[in-house]
Amino acid sequence: MTRVEILGLELKNPVIAASGTFGFGREFDEYFSIEKLGGISTKGLTLNKRDGNKGIRIYETPSGLMNSIGLQNPGVKGFIEEDLPFLENMDIVILANLGGSTLDEYLEGIELLNNTSIDFIELNISCPNVKEGGMAFGIKCNTAERVVKEAKKVSKKPLIVKLSPNAENIQEMAYSCVNAGADGLSLVNTFNALAIDVYKRKPIFENITAGLSGPCIKPIALRMVYEVSKVVNVPIIGIGGIINWRDAIEFIMAGATAIQVGSGNFIKPDISLDIIKGIEEYMKEEGIKSLEEIRGII
């Protein structure tokens, strides 16, 4: 009843663990069987191993969470050798979230992932482009379009592009990425935000700004998913402050095929199971046989 299809692949339910909040699933599998999820988006990968940022990395805000992790990860090769074997033994759809500081890093990472069993590449274009003065690839349409176009040429896996809410125009950005070859979209990534320590009289984070997520961003993320669904005809994965089944249903009604749970994993490790159960109960109460009946209904 809760099964959904994304690009020809069936997920047992629409709930996917979001990148950056679930690691590679190993720790969470100690709390519950992650095979009960529809899928998992891996911790953000880069071509080479990264140690991440110094100083404070996580900071709680009203109804939200700010993070400046700095893409700490084992690198694509490290993931393939050390973490992917664990996921391959699971009955779960795998999205490999991939970032990069240059176009070449993206392309080399994709080529390595092509030879694995992952199901999708989730291309994170919110990473800073070091050759463009640090501006994220996903801010300007022409830059994002160039990255997606080149990535699509190389990728043997379906390409889902993760959009930044900090883009100049989210609808134009979505259209540009799909026009360049994106098979699907996931949105949104974190919002650029600022927190200040009034006693130290300086920003909380060493990088000054950081990414804001959690329930506080949900209404904005929901609006963006709705707007994007009106201009593209590819599967959309909704992300942003989803912590209960009602949130998930709202995103589906706004046009999402599936959803990702991020910050909620820190509140309750098995929160996704609550969301899945809630969706099932809602469907029974409302006489809904397939989520397709309500997808994009508004």
C-alpha atoms as a PDB file:
ATOM      1  CA  MET A   1       0.000   0.000   0.000  1.00  0.00           C
ATOM      2  CA  THR A   2       2.813   2.450   0.779  1.00  0.00           C
ATOM      3  CA  ARG A   3       5.046   1.326  -2.083  1.00  0.00           C
ATOM      4  CA  VAL A   4       6.254   4.016  -4.471  1.00  0.00           C
ATOM      5  CA  GLU A   5       8.221   3.891  -7.704  1.00  0.00           C
ATOM      6  CA  ILE A   6      11.142   6.135  -8.559  1.00  0.00           C
ATOM      7  CA  LEU A   7      12.641   5.854 -12.032  1.00  0.00           C
ATOM      8  CA  GLY A   8      11.543   2.257 -12.445  1.00  0.00           C
ATOM      9  CA  LEU A   9      12.732   1.140  -9.015  1.00  0.00           C
ATOM     10  CA  GLU A  10      10.203   0.218  -6.339  1.00  0.00           C
ATOM     11  CA  LEU A  11      10.636   1.420  -2.754  1.00  0.00           C
ATOM     12  CA  LYS A  12       8.679  -0.423  -0.049  1.00  0.00           C
ATOM     13  CA  ASN A  13       7.609   2.963   1.326  1.00  0.00           C
ATOM     14  CA  PRO A  14       8.342   6.634   0.560  1.00  0.00           C
ATOM     15  CA  VAL A  15      10.552   7.269   3.616  1.00  0.00           C
ATOM     16  CA  ILE A  16      14.278   7.698   2.947  1.00  0.00           C
ATOM     17  CA  ALA A  17      16.940   8.553   5.528  1.00  0.00           C
ATOM     18  CA  ALA A  18      18.479  11.885   4.500  1.00  0.00           C
ATOM     19  CA  SER A  19      22.149  12.436   3.796  1.00  0.00           C
ATOM     20  CA  GLY A  20      24.264  13.735   6.639  1.00  0.00           C
ATOM     21  CA  THR A  21      22.025  12.614   9.494  1.00  0.00           C
ATOM     22  CA  PHE A  22      22.149   8.836   9.138  1.00  0.00           C
ATOM     23  CA  GLY A  23      25.790   8.085   8.407  1.00  0.00           C
ATOM     24  CA  PHE A  24      25.855   4.887   6.372  1.00  0.00           C
ATOM     25  CA  GLY A  25      23.144   3.272   8.474  1.00  0.00           C
ATOM     26  CA  ARG A  26      25.336   1.055  10.609  1.00  0.00           C
ATOM     27  CA  GLU A  27      24.781   2.882  13.916  1.00  0.00           C
ATOM     28  CA  PHE A  28      21.031   3.216  13.384  1.00  0.00           C
ATOM     29  CA  ASP A  29      20.684  -0.459  12.554  1.00  0.00           C
ATOM     30  CA  GLU A  30      21.512  -1.099  16.202  1.00  0.00           C
ATOM     31  CA  TYR A  31      18.253   0.669  17.161  1.00  0.00           C
ATOM     32  CA  PHE A  32      15.977  -0.761  14.455  1.00  0.00           C
ATOM     33  CA  SER A  33      16.179  -2.700  11.229  1.00  0.00           C
ATOM     34  CA  ILE A  34      16.956  -0.100   8.587  1.00  0.00           C
ATOM     35  CA  GLU A  35      15.550  -2.514   6.005  1.00  0.00           C
ATOM     36  CA  LYS A  36      12.145  -1.192   7.071  1.00  0.00           C
ATOM     37  CA  LEU A  37      12.979   2.093   5.339  1.00  0.00           C
ATOM     38  CA  GLY A  38      12.281   2.818   1.718  1.00  0.00           C
ATOM     39  CA  GLY A  39      15.877   3.896   1.206  1.00  0.00           C
ATOM     40  CA  ILE A  40      18.974   5.571   2.585  1.00  0.00           C
ATOM     41  CA  SER A  41      20.900   8.536   1.239  1.00  0.00           C
ATOM     42  CA  THR A  42      24.496   8.144   2.328  1.00  0.00           C
ATOM     43  CA  LYS A  43      26.520  10.676   4.237  1.00  0.00           C
ATOM     44  CA  GLY A  44      27.782  13.219   1.730  1.00  0.00           C
ATOM     45  CA  LEU A  45      30.737  11.815  -0.197  1.00  0.00           C
ATOM     46  CA  THR A  46      33.590  13.612  -1.904  1.00  0.00           C
ATOM     47  CA  LEU A  47      36.218  12.135  -4.203  1.00  0.00           C
ATOM     48  CA  ASN A  48      38.864  12.304  -1.496  1.00  0.00           C
ATOM     49  CA  LYS A  49      38.600  11.801   2.258  1.00  0.00           C
ATOM     50  CA  ARG A  50      37.782  14.917   4.290  1.00  0.00           C
ATOM     51  CA  ASP A  51      38.209  15.593   7.997  1.00  0.00           C
ATOM     52  CA  GLY A  52      35.562  18.300   8.134  1.00  0.00           C
ATOM     53  CA  ASN A  53      35.468  21.679   9.833  1.00  0.00           C
ATOM     54  CA  LYS A  54      37.068  22.698  13.112  1.00  0.00           C
ATOM     55  CA  GLY A  55      35.236  24.215  16.052  1.00  0.00           C
ATOM     56  CA  ILE A  56      31.523  23.894  16.812  1.00  0.00           C
ATOM     57  CA  ARG A  57      29.731  21.792  14.217  1.00  0.00           C
ATOM     58  CA  ILE A  58      26.197  21.511  15.567  1.00  0.00           C
ATOM     59  CA  TYR A  59      24.117  24.264  17.181  1.00  0.00           C
ATOM     60  CA  GLU A  60      20.473  24.041  18.215  1.00  0.00           C
ATOM     61  CA  THR A  61      18.087  26.867  17.336  1.00  0.00           C
ATOM     62  CA  PRO A  62      14.357  27.315  18.028  1.00  0.00           C
ATOM     63  CA  SER A  63      12.637  24.484  16.116  1.00  0.00           C
ATOM     64  CA  GLY A  64      15.798  23.841  14.166  1.00  0.00           C
ATOM     65  CA  LEU A  65      19.396  22.796  13.922  1.00  0.00           C
ATOM     66  CA  MET A  66      22.414  24.478  12.401  1.00  0.00           C
ATOM     67  CA  ASN A  67      25.375  22.472  11.186  1.00  0.00           C
ATOM     68  CA  SER A  68      28.821  23.126   9.803  1.00  0.00           C
ATOM     69  CA  ILE A  69      30.233  19.631   9.467  1.00  0.00           C
ATOM     70  CA  GLY A  70      32.372  20.361   6.439  1.00  0.00           C
ATOM     71  CA  LEU A  71      31.529  17.161   4.575  1.00  0.00           C
ATOM     72  CA  GLN A  72      33.595  14.900   6.810  1.00  0.00           C
ATOM     73  CA  ASN A  73      33.615  11.560   5.002  1.00  0.00           C
ATOM     74  CA  PRO A  74      35.884   8.629   4.046  1.00  0.00           C
ATOM     75  CA  GLY A  75      36.004   9.556   0.363  1.00  0.00           C
ATOM     76  CA  VAL A  76      34.342   7.606  -2.435  1.00  0.00           C
ATOM     77  CA  LYS A  77      36.921   4.799  -2.428  1.00  0.00           C
ATOM     78  CA  GLY A  78      36.734   4.520   1.354  1.00  0.00           C
ATOM     79  CA  PHE A  79      32.949   4.286   1.160  1.00  0.00           C
ATOM     80  CA  ILE A  80      33.082   1.599  -1.511  1.00  0.00           C
ATOM     81  CA  GLU A  81      35.603  -0.484   0.406  1.00  0.00           C
ATOM     82  CA  GLU A  82      34.449  -0.006   4.000  1.00  0.00           C
ATOM     83  CA  ASP A  83      30.784   1.019   4.125  1.00  0.00           C
ATOM     84  CA  LEU A  84      29.032  -0.143   0.979  1.00  0.00           C
ATOM     85  CA  PRO A  85      29.428  -3.889   1.796  1.00  0.00           C
ATOM     86  CA  PHE A  86      27.270  -3.356   4.897  1.00  0.00           C
ATOM     87  CA  LEU A  87      24.500  -1.701   2.869  1.00  0.00           C
ATOM     88  CA  GLU A  88      24.709  -4.306   0.110  1.00  0.00           C
ATOM     89  CA  ASN A  89      23.569  -6.924   2.615  1.00  0.00           C
ATOM     90  CA  MET A  90      20.426  -4.912   3.278  1.00  0.00           C
ATOM     91  CA  ASP A  91      17.139  -4.942   1.384  1.00  0.00           C
ATOM     92  CA  ILE A  92      17.154  -1.199   0.947  1.00  0.00           C
ATOM     93  CA  VAL A  93      17.480   1.287  -1.904  1.00  0.00           C
ATOM     94  CA  ILE A  94      20.808   3.150  -1.810  1.00  0.00           C
ATOM     95  CA  LEU A  95      21.330   6.749  -2.887  1.00  0.00           C
ATOM     96  CA  ALA A  96      24.992   7.754  -2.933  1.00  0.00           C
ATOM     97  CA  ASN A  97      25.118  11.457  -2.114  1.00  0.00           C
ATOM     98  CA  LEU A  98      28.053  12.986  -3.989  1.00  0.00           C
ATOM     99  CA  GLY A  99      29.576  16.445  -3.716  1.00  0.00           C
ATOM    100  CA  GLY A 100      32.666  18.118  -5.091  1.00  0.00           C
ATOM    101  CA  SER A 101      34.635  21.347  -5.184  1.00  0.00           C
ATOM    102  CA  THR A 102      35.363  21.106  -8.909  1.00  0.00           C
ATOM    103  CA  LEU A 103      33.642  19.565 -11.893  1.00  0.00           C
ATOM    104  CA  ASP A 104      36.454  17.044 -12.288  1.00  0.00           C
ATOM    105  CA  GLU A 105      35.925  15.818  -8.718  1.00  0.00           C
ATOM    106  CA  TYR A 106      32.271  15.167  -9.454  1.00  0.00           C
ATOM    107  CA  LEU A 107      33.048  13.276 -12.636  1.00  0.00           C
ATOM    108  CA  GLU A 108      35.770  11.116 -11.079  1.00  0.00           C
ATOM    109  CA  GLY A 109      33.481  10.296  -8.162  1.00  0.00           C
ATOM    110  CA  ILE A 110      30.681   9.279 -10.518  1.00  0.00           C
ATOM    111  CA  GLU A 111      32.983   7.013 -12.502  1.00  0.00           C
ATOM    112  CA  LEU A 112      33.937   5.180  -9.310  1.00  0.00           C
ATOM    113  CA  LEU A 113      30.304   4.821  -8.225  1.00  0.00           C
ATOM    114  CA  ASN A 114      29.293   3.544 -11.668  1.00  0.00           C
ATOM    115  CA  ASN A 115      30.955   0.215 -10.904  1.00  0.00           C
ATOM    116  CA  THR A 116      29.065  -0.370  -7.660  1.00  0.00           C
ATOM    117  CA  SER A 117      25.645  -1.707  -6.682  1.00  0.00           C
ATOM    118  CA  ILE A 118      24.204   1.643  -5.576  1.00  0.00           C
ATOM    119  CA  ASP A 119      20.815   2.468  -7.081  1.00  0.00           C
ATOM    120  CA  PHE A 120      20.992   6.243  -7.537  1.00  0.00           C
ATOM    121  CA  ILE A 121      23.535   9.030  -7.458  1.00  0.00           C
ATOM    122  CA  GLU A 122      22.203  12.018  -5.526  1.00  0.00           C
ATOM    123  CA  LEU A 123      24.270  14.899  -6.869  1.00  0.00           C
ATOM    124  CA  ASN A 124      24.768  17.564  -4.219  1.00  0.00           C
ATOM    125  CA  ILE A 125      25.288  20.817  -6.099  1.00  0.00           C
ATOM    126  CA  SER A 126      25.308  22.909  -2.912  1.00  0.00           C
ATOM    127  CA  CYS A 127      29.077  22.410  -2.633  1.00  0.00           C
ATOM    128  CA  PRO A 128      31.353  25.450  -3.124  1.00  0.00           C
ATOM    129  CA  ASN A 129      32.962  25.711  -6.534  1.00  0.00           C
ATOM    130  CA  VAL A 130      36.581  26.558  -5.687  1.00  0.00           C
ATOM    131  CA  LYS A 131      37.239  27.756  -9.234  1.00  0.00           C
ATOM    132  CA  GLU A 132      34.372  30.254  -8.991  1.00  0.00           C
ATOM    133  CA  GLY A 133      35.433  31.927  -5.759  1.00  0.00           C
ATOM    134  CA  GLY A 134      33.617  29.521  -3.460  1.00  0.00           C
ATOM    135  CA  MET A 135      30.091  30.144  -4.746  1.00  0.00           C
ATOM    136  CA  ALA A 136      28.028  26.955  -4.647  1.00  0.00           C
ATOM    137  CA  PHE A 137      27.357  25.213  -7.965  1.00  0.00           C
ATOM    138  CA  GLY A 138      23.643  25.249  -7.160  1.00  0.00           C
ATOM    139  CA  ILE A 139      23.194  29.012  -6.882  1.00  0.00           C
ATOM    140  CA  LYS A 140      23.276  30.052 -10.534  1.00  0.00           C
ATOM    141  CA  CYS A 141      21.368  28.136 -13.205  1.00  0.00           C
ATOM    142  CA  ASN A 142      24.097  28.210 -15.860  1.00  0.00           C
ATOM    143  CA  THR A 143      26.690  26.748 -13.476  1.00  0.00           C
ATOM    144  CA  ALA A 144      24.342  24.025 -12.217  1.00  0.00           C
ATOM    145  CA  GLU A 145      23.272  23.161 -15.747  1.00  0.00           C
ATOM    146  CA  ARG A 146      26.882  22.699 -16.827  1.00  0.00           C
ATOM    147  CA  VAL A 147      27.647  20.382 -13.898  1.00  0.00           C
ATOM    148  CA  VAL A 148      24.523  18.270 -14.394  1.00  0.00           C
ATOM    149  CA  LYS A 149      25.041  18.027 -18.146  1.00  0.00           C
ATOM    150  CA  GLU A 150      28.602  16.743 -17.748  1.00  0.00           C
ATOM    151  CA  ALA A 151      27.621  14.440 -14.884  1.00  0.00           C
ATOM    152  CA  LYS A 152      24.847  12.905 -16.959  1.00  0.00           C
ATOM    153  CA  LYS A 153      27.283  12.115 -19.758  1.00  0.00           C
ATOM    154  CA  VAL A 154      29.414  10.069 -17.372  1.00  0.00           C
ATOM    155  CA  SER A 155      26.841   8.527 -15.036  1.00  0.00           C
ATOM    156  CA  LYS A 156      25.582   4.992 -15.625  1.00  0.00           C
ATOM    157  CA  LYS A 157      23.258   5.375 -12.640  1.00  0.00           C
ATOM    158  CA  PRO A 158      20.034   7.415 -12.524  1.00  0.00           C
ATOM    159  CA  LEU A 159      20.960  10.950 -11.512  1.00  0.00           C
ATOM    160  CA  ILE A 160      18.944  12.714  -8.814  1.00  0.00           C
ATOM    161  CA  VAL A 161      20.072  16.305  -8.313  1.00  0.00           C
ATOM    162  CA  LYS A 162      19.762  17.784  -4.812  1.00  0.00           C
ATOM    163  CA  LEU A 163      18.792  21.433  -4.999  1.00  0.00           C
ATOM    164  CA  SER A 164      19.840  24.232  -2.688  1.00  0.00           C
ATOM    165  CA  PRO A 165      17.097  26.533  -1.352  1.00  0.00           C
ATOM    166  CA  ASN A 166      19.653  29.332  -1.680  1.00  0.00           C
ATOM    167  CA  ALA A 167      19.348  29.220  -5.479  1.00  0.00           C
ATOM    168  CA  GLU A 168      18.469  32.516  -7.160  1.00  0.00           C
ATOM    169  CA  ASN A 169      15.189  31.042  -8.410  1.00  0.00           C
ATOM    170  CA  ILE A 170      14.217  27.505  -7.373  1.00  0.00           C
ATOM    171  CA  GLN A 171      11.870  26.913 -10.323  1.00  0.00           C
ATOM    172  CA  GLU A 172      14.412  28.081 -12.886  1.00  0.00           C
ATOM    173  CA  MET A 173      17.089  26.029 -11.152  1.00  0.00           C
ATOM    174  CA  ALA A 174      14.937  22.892 -11.231  1.00  0.00           C
ATOM    175  CA  TYR A 175      14.049  23.395 -14.897  1.00  0.00           C
ATOM    176  CA  SER A 176      17.715  23.987 -15.802  1.00  0.00           C
ATOM    177  CA  CYS A 177      18.833  20.794 -14.077  1.00  0.00           C
ATOM    178  CA  VAL A 178      16.127  18.668 -15.697  1.00  0.00           C
ATOM    179  CA  ASN A 179      16.873  20.261 -19.059  1.00  0.00           C
ATOM    180  CA  ALA A 180      20.532  19.269 -18.549  1.00  0.00           C
ATOM    181  CA  GLY A 181      19.581  15.634 -17.948  1.00  0.00           C
ATOM    182  CA  ALA A 182      18.628  15.202 -14.296  1.00  0.00           C
ATOM    183  CA  ASP A 183      16.438  12.098 -13.946  1.00  0.00           C
ATOM    184  CA  GLY A 184      14.973  13.318 -10.651  1.00  0.00           C
ATOM    185  CA  LEU A 185      15.298  16.057  -8.056  1.00  0.00           C
ATOM    186  CA  SER A 186      15.566  16.159  -4.271  1.00  0.00           C
ATOM    187  CA  LEU A 187      14.894  19.370  -2.372  1.00  0.00           C
ATOM    188  CA  VAL A 188      15.702  21.169  -0.274  1.00  0.00           C
ATOM    189  CA  ASN A 189      19.160  21.219   1.209  1.00  0.00           C
ATOM    190  CA  THR A 190      19.903  23.436   4.227  1.00  0.00           C
ATOM    191  CA  PHE A 191      19.349  27.194   4.307  1.00  0.00           C
ATOM    192  CA  ASN A 192      22.334  29.483   4.772  1.00  0.00           C
ATOM    193  CA  ALA A 193      22.016  30.956   8.271  1.00  0.00           C
ATOM    194  CA  LEU A 194      23.878  32.795  11.030  1.00  0.00           C
ATOM    195  CA  ALA A 195      24.134  32.431  14.822  1.00  0.00           C
ATOM    196  CA  ILE A 196      26.061  34.771  17.142  1.00  0.00           C
ATOM    197  CA  ASP A 197      27.495  34.277  20.624  1.00  0.00           C
ATOM    198  CA  VAL A 198      26.613  37.561  22.347  1.00  0.00           C
ATOM    199  CA  TYR A 199      29.154  37.015  25.148  1.00  0.00           C
ATOM    200  CA  LYS A 200      32.106  36.164  22.932  1.00  0.00           C
ATOM    201  CA  ARG A 201      30.788  38.762  20.470  1.00  0.00           C
ATOM    202  CA  LYS A 202      31.490  36.600  17.463  1.00  0.00           C
ATOM    203  CA  PRO A 203      29.737  34.025  15.268  1.00  0.00           C
ATOM    204  CA  ILE A 204      29.068  30.573  16.741  1.00  0.00           C
ATOM    205  CA  PHE A 205      30.675  28.860  13.739  1.00  0.00           C
ATOM    206  CA  GLU A 206      34.223  29.373  12.512  1.00  0.00           C
ATOM    207  CA  ASN A 207      32.910  29.594   8.939  1.00  0.00           C
ATOM    208  CA  ILE A 208      30.527  32.334  10.173  1.00  0.00           C
ATOM    209  CA  THR A 209      27.434  30.957   8.430  1.00  0.00           C
ATOM    210  CA  ALA A 210      26.081  27.404   8.569  1.00  0.00           C
ATOM    211  CA  GLY A 211      23.249  25.254   7.238  1.00  0.00           C
ATOM    212  CA  LEU A 212      19.836  25.492   8.922  1.00  0.00           C
ATOM    213  CA  SER A 213      17.482  22.494   8.951  1.00  0.00           C
ATOM    214  CA  GLY A 214      14.642  21.125  11.060  1.00  0.00           C
ATOM    215  CA  PRO A 215      10.922  21.877  11.515  1.00  0.00           C
ATOM    216  CA  CYS A 216      11.479  25.632  11.213  1.00  0.00           C
ATOM    217  CA  ILE A 217      12.245  25.310   7.474  1.00  0.00           C
ATOM    218  CA  LYS A 218       9.347  22.973   6.628  1.00  0.00           C
ATOM    219  CA  PRO A 219       6.810  25.537   5.352  1.00  0.00           C
ATOM    220  CA  ILE A 220       9.408  27.080   3.034  1.00  0.00           C
ATOM    221  CA  ALA A 221      10.693  23.713   1.815  1.00  0.00           C
ATOM    222  CA  LEU A 222       7.111  22.589   1.226  1.00  0.00           C
ATOM    223  CA  ARG A 223       6.407  25.680  -0.843  1.00  0.00           C
ATOM    224  CA  MET A 224       9.519  25.060  -2.932  1.00  0.00           C
ATOM    225  CA  VAL A 225       8.581  21.426  -3.620  1.00  0.00           C
ATOM    226  CA  TYR A 226       5.125  22.601  -4.688  1.00  0.00           C
ATOM    227  CA  GLU A 227       6.577  25.256  -7.007  1.00  0.00           C
ATOM    228  CA  VAL A 228       9.112  22.896  -8.563  1.00  0.00           C
ATOM    229  CA  SER A 229       6.476  20.207  -9.154  1.00  0.00           C
ATOM    230  CA  LYS A 230       4.651  22.660 -11.411  1.00  0.00           C
ATOM    231  CA  VAL A 231       7.557  23.148 -13.825  1.00  0.00           C
ATOM    232  CA  VAL A 232       9.199  19.721 -14.133  1.00  0.00           C
ATOM    233  CA  ASN A 233       7.972  16.219 -14.903  1.00  0.00           C
ATOM    234  CA  VAL A 234      10.485  14.066 -13.021  1.00  0.00           C
ATOM    235  CA  PRO A 235      10.262  12.368  -9.615  1.00  0.00           C
ATOM    236  CA  ILE A 236      10.762  14.743  -6.688  1.00  0.00           C
ATOM    237  CA  ILE A 237      12.020  13.747  -3.246  1.00  0.00           C
ATOM    238  CA  GLY A 238      10.835  16.252  -0.635  1.00  0.00           C
ATOM    239  CA  ILE A 239      13.139  17.239   2.218  1.00  0.00           C
ATOM    240  CA  GLY A 240      12.898  19.794   4.997  1.00  0.00           C
ATOM    241  CA  GLY A 241      11.754  19.509   8.591  1.00  0.00           C
ATOM    242  CA  ILE A 242       9.751  16.290   8.262  1.00  0.00           C
ATOM    243  CA  ILE A 243       9.253  14.816  11.741  1.00  0.00           C
ATOM    244  CA  ASN A 244       5.853  13.090  11.526  1.00  0.00           C
ATOM    245  CA  TRP A 245       3.515  11.375   9.082  1.00  0.00           C
ATOM    246  CA  ARG A 246       1.458  14.513   8.554  1.00  0.00           C
ATOM    247  CA  ASP A 247       4.540  16.389   7.343  1.00  0.00           C
ATOM    248  CA  ALA A 248       5.296  13.543   4.935  1.00  0.00           C
ATOM    249  CA  ILE A 249       1.775  13.524   3.537  1.00  0.00           C
ATOM    250  CA  GLU A 250       1.909  17.293   3.022  1.00  0.00           C
ATOM    251  CA  PHE A 251       5.037  16.934   0.887  1.00  0.00           C
ATOM    252  CA  ILE A 252       3.420  14.171  -1.155  1.00  0.00           C
ATOM    253  CA  MET A 253       0.324  16.304  -1.686  1.00  0.00           C
ATOM    254  CA  ALA A 254       2.639  19.117  -2.782  1.00  0.00           C
ATOM    255  CA  GLY A 255       4.077  16.870  -5.500  1.00  0.00           C
ATOM    256  CA  ALA A 256       6.775  14.692  -3.938  1.00  0.00           C
ATOM    257  CA  THR A 257       7.029  11.011  -4.835  1.00  0.00           C
ATOM    258  CA  ALA A 258       9.086  10.241  -1.728  1.00  0.00           C
ATOM    259  CA  ILE A 259      10.480  12.137   1.251  1.00  0.00           C
ATOM    260  CA  GLN A 260      13.678  12.227   3.292  1.00  0.00           C
ATOM    261  CA  VAL A 261      13.949  12.488   7.062  1.00  0.00           C
ATOM    262  CA  GLY A 262      16.961  14.442   8.284  1.00  0.00           C
ATOM    263  CA  SER A 263      17.155  16.330  11.583  1.00  0.00           C
ATOM    264  CA  GLY A 264      14.366  14.160  13.001  1.00  0.00           C
ATOM    265  CA  ASN A 265      16.846  11.282  13.229  1.00  0.00           C
ATOM    266  CA  PHE A 266      18.632  13.194  16.000  1.00  0.00           C
ATOM    267  CA  ILE A 267      15.399  13.647  17.946  1.00  0.00           C
ATOM    268  CA  LYS A 268      14.436   9.970  17.837  1.00  0.00           C
ATOM    269  CA  PRO A 269      16.645   7.420  16.039  1.00  0.00           C
ATOM    270  CA  ASP A 270      13.665   5.375  14.818  1.00  0.00           C
ATOM    271  CA  ILE A 271      11.453   8.354  14.000  1.00  0.00           C
ATOM    272  CA  SER A 272      11.130   7.105  10.412  1.00  0.00           C
ATOM    273  CA  LEU A 273       9.276   4.026  11.642  1.00  0.00           C
ATOM    274  CA  ASP A 274       6.734   6.294  13.351  1.00  0.00           C
ATOM    275  CA  ILE A 275       6.316   8.189  10.090  1.00  0.00           C
ATOM    276  CA  ILE A 276       5.854   5.001   8.055  1.00  0.00           C
ATOM    277  CA  LYS A 277       3.278   3.664  10.522  1.00  0.00           C
ATOM    278  CA  GLY A 278       1.442   6.987  10.535  1.00  0.00           C
ATOM    279  CA  ILE A 279       1.268   7.048   6.739  1.00  0.00           C
ATOM    280  CA  GLU A 280      -0.153   3.516   6.719  1.00  0.00           C
ATOM    281  CA  GLU A 281      -2.815   4.387   9.295  1.00  0.00           C
ATOM    282  CA  TYR A 282      -3.753   7.586   7.472  1.00  0.00           C
ATOM    283  CA  MET A 283      -4.165   5.704   4.203  1.00  0.00           C
ATOM    284  CA  LYS A 284      -6.410   3.126   5.852  1.00  0.00           C
ATOM    285  CA  GLU A 285      -8.551   5.772   7.528  1.00  0.00           C
ATOM    286  CA  GLU A 286      -8.910   7.753   4.300  1.00  0.00           C
ATOM    287  CA  GLY A 287      -9.420   4.731   2.054  1.00  0.00           C
ATOM    288  CA  ILE A 288      -6.318   5.518   0.014  1.00  0.00           C
ATOM    289  CA  LYS A 289      -4.966   2.486  -1.811  1.00  0.00           C
ATOM    290  CA  SER A 290      -1.927   4.159  -3.349  1.00  0.00           C
ATOM    291  CA  LEU A 291      -0.036   7.351  -2.540  1.00  0.00           C
ATOM    292  CA  GLU A 292      -0.282   8.146  -6.227  1.00  0.00           C
ATOM    293  CA  GLU A 293      -3.926   9.077  -5.540  1.00  0.00           C
ATOM    294  CA  ILE A 294      -2.885  12.105  -3.495  1.00  0.00           C
ATOM    295  CA  ARG A 295       0.486  13.006  -4.999  1.00  0.00           C
ATOM    296  CA  GLY A 296       0.414  16.589  -6.281  1.00  0.00           C
ATOM    297  CA  ILE A 297      -3.250  16.902  -5.410  1.00  0.00           C
ATOM    298  CA  ILE A 298      -3.078  20.599  -4.490  1.00  0.00           C
END
